[in-house]
């Protein structure tokens, strides 16, 4: 399962021409967005 995930990430990086650092930033920003959505719809109601 982990090997498959690594292959998918490498394929994604090669198609978009991005680095590991960019993938980390995308994951970080995605986490912030989902966290804010959860806060807005579930906690802030």
Protein backbone atom coordinates (compact mmCIF):
# COMPACT_ATOMS: atom_id res chain seq x y z
CA UNK A 1 0.00 0.00 0.00
CA UNK A 2 2.79 2.44 0.88
CA UNK A 3 4.74 1.55 -2.28
CA UNK A 4 1.66 2.23 -4.40
CA UNK A 5 1.20 5.62 -2.71
CA UNK A 6 4.83 6.53 -3.32
CA UNK A 7 4.48 5.61 -7.03
CA UNK A 8 1.36 7.77 -7.32
CA UNK A 9 3.09 10.74 -5.68
CA UNK A 10 6.12 10.37 -7.98
CA UNK A 11 3.83 10.17 -11.04
CA UNK A 12 1.93 13.27 -9.86
CA UNK A 13 5.18 15.18 -9.28
CA UNK A 14 6.60 14.26 -12.67
CA UNK A 15 3.42 15.23 -14.54
CA UNK A 16 3.21 18.63 -12.84
CA UNK A 17 6.97 19.22 -12.62
CA UNK A 18 6.92 19.98 -8.89
CA UNK A 19 9.33 19.14 -6.08
CA UNK A 20 8.94 17.35 -2.75
CA UNK A 21 8.90 20.76 -1.07
CA UNK A 22 5.92 21.87 -3.18
CA UNK A 23 4.04 18.65 -2.36
CA UNK A 24 4.63 19.36 1.34
CA UNK A 25 3.24 22.89 0.99
CA UNK A 26 0.19 21.61 -0.90
CA UNK A 27 -0.49 19.13 1.91
CA UNK A 28 -0.02 21.82 4.55
CA UNK A 29 -2.38 24.26 2.84
CA UNK A 30 -4.95 21.52 2.23
CA UNK A 31 -4.87 20.72 5.94
CA UNK A 32 -5.46 24.34 6.87
CA UNK A 33 -8.39 24.65 4.44
CA UNK A 34 -10.07 21.46 5.69
CA UNK A 35 -9.44 22.47 9.29
CA UNK A 36 -11.06 25.85 8.73
CA UNK A 37 -14.04 24.24 6.99
CA UNK A 38 -14.54 21.81 9.86
CA UNK A 39 -14.27 24.66 12.34
CA UNK A 40 -16.73 26.81 10.39
CA UNK A 41 -19.40 24.16 9.83
CA UNK A 42 -19.13 21.98 12.94
CA UNK A 43 -17.70 24.01 15.79
CA UNK A 44 -18.75 27.54 14.94
CA UNK A 45 -22.44 26.67 14.38
